[in-house]
C-alpha atoms as a PDB file:
ATOM      1  CA  MET A   1      33.723  33.638 -41.111  1.00  0.00           C
ATOM      2  CA  HIS A   2      32.853  31.427 -37.626  1.00  0.00           C
ATOM      3  CA  ARG A   3      29.125  32.214 -35.946  1.00  0.00           C
ATOM      4  CA  ASP A   4      30.639  29.511 -33.185  1.00  0.00           C
ATOM      5  CA  MET A   5      29.478  32.023 -29.988  1.00  0.00           C
ATOM      6  CA  GLU A   6      32.081  29.610 -27.460  1.00  0.00           C
ATOM      7  CA  TRP A   7      34.534  30.226 -30.514  1.00  0.00           C
ATOM      8  CA  TRP A   8      33.488  33.732 -30.777  1.00  0.00           C
ATOM      9  CA  THR A   9      33.683  34.912 -26.681  1.00  0.00           C
ATOM     10  CA  GLN A  10      37.277  32.494 -26.858  1.00  0.00           C
ATOM     11  CA  LEU A  11      38.840  34.548 -28.788  1.00  0.00           C
ATOM     12  CA  ARG A  12      38.051  37.966 -27.735  1.00  0.00           C
ATOM     13  CA  VAL A  13      38.783  36.716 -25.177  1.00  0.00           C
ATOM     14  CA  ARG A  14      42.070  34.986 -25.432  1.00  0.00           C
ATOM     15  CA  ALA A  15      42.520  38.866 -27.826  1.00  0.00           C
ATOM     16  CA  ALA A  16      41.833  40.624 -23.332  1.00  0.00           C
ATOM     17  CA  GLN A  17      44.017  38.604 -21.261  1.00  0.00           C
ATOM     18  CA  SER A  18      47.411  37.277 -23.470  1.00  0.00           C
ATOM     19  CA  GLY A  19      49.348  39.452 -24.025  1.00  0.00           C
ATOM     20  CA  LEU A  20      49.112  38.561 -28.411  1.00  0.00           C
ATOM     21  CA  SER A  21      49.019  41.267 -31.110  1.00  0.00           C
ATOM     22  CA  LYS A  22      46.206  40.606 -32.727  1.00  0.00           C
ATOM     23  CA  ARG A  23      48.741  39.889 -36.047  1.00  0.00           C
ATOM     24  CA  GLU A  24      49.647  36.912 -33.980  1.00  0.00           C
ATOM     25  CA  LEU A  25      46.642  36.261 -32.962  1.00  0.00           C
ATOM     26  CA  CYS A  26      45.421  36.229 -37.079  1.00  0.00           C
ATOM     27  CA  ARG A  27      47.269  33.998 -38.201  1.00  0.00           C
ATOM     28  CA  GLU A  28      46.818  31.113 -35.654  1.00  0.00           C
ATOM     29  CA  GLU A  29      43.360  31.010 -35.966  1.00  0.00           C
ATOM     30  CA  GLY A  30      43.964  31.191 -39.819  1.00  0.00           C
ATOM     31  CA  ILE A  31      41.736  34.162 -39.716  1.00  0.00           C
ATOM     32  CA  SER A  32      42.147  37.393 -41.720  1.00  0.00           C
ATOM     33  CA  TRP A  33      42.281  41.421 -39.831  1.00  0.00           C
ATOM     34  CA  LYS A  34      39.259  42.317 -40.274  1.00  0.00           C
ATOM     35  CA  ALA A  35      37.488  39.582 -39.566  1.00  0.00           C
ATOM     36  CA  LEU A  36      39.447  39.439 -36.007  1.00  0.00           C
ATOM     37  CA  GLY A  37      38.564  43.730 -35.979  1.00  0.00           C
ATOM     38  CA  LYS A  38      34.454  41.719 -36.698  1.00  0.00           C
ATOM     39  CA  VAL A  39      35.104  39.971 -33.109  1.00  0.00           C
ATOM     40  CA  LEU A  40      35.777  42.777 -31.072  1.00  0.00           C
ATOM     41  CA  ALA A  41      33.927  44.724 -32.389  1.00  0.00           C
ATOM     42  CA  HIS A  42      31.006  42.409 -31.517  1.00  0.00           C
ATOM     43  CA  ALA A  43      30.414  40.942 -28.403  1.00  0.00           C
ATOM     44  CA  GLU A  44      27.783  37.832 -30.282  1.00  0.00           C
ATOM     45  CA  PRO A  45      28.497  36.285 -33.942  1.00  0.00           C
ATOM     46  CA  PRO A  46      26.075  37.431 -36.583  1.00  0.00           C
ATOM     47  CA  GLY A  47      22.623  35.552 -36.391  1.00  0.00           C
ATOM     48  CA  CYS A  48      22.982  34.602 -32.748  1.00  0.00           C
END
């Protein structure tokens, strides 16, 4: 999973503002549904 704070924040912003579905975000970013759930549930990536 990504631990880059910039990527983490950008993904959270895109999820909130873009109008894309979670499925589309997962497909575009190449991440799993579970990974997206973790990104949206936590303000910072693990280890930060």
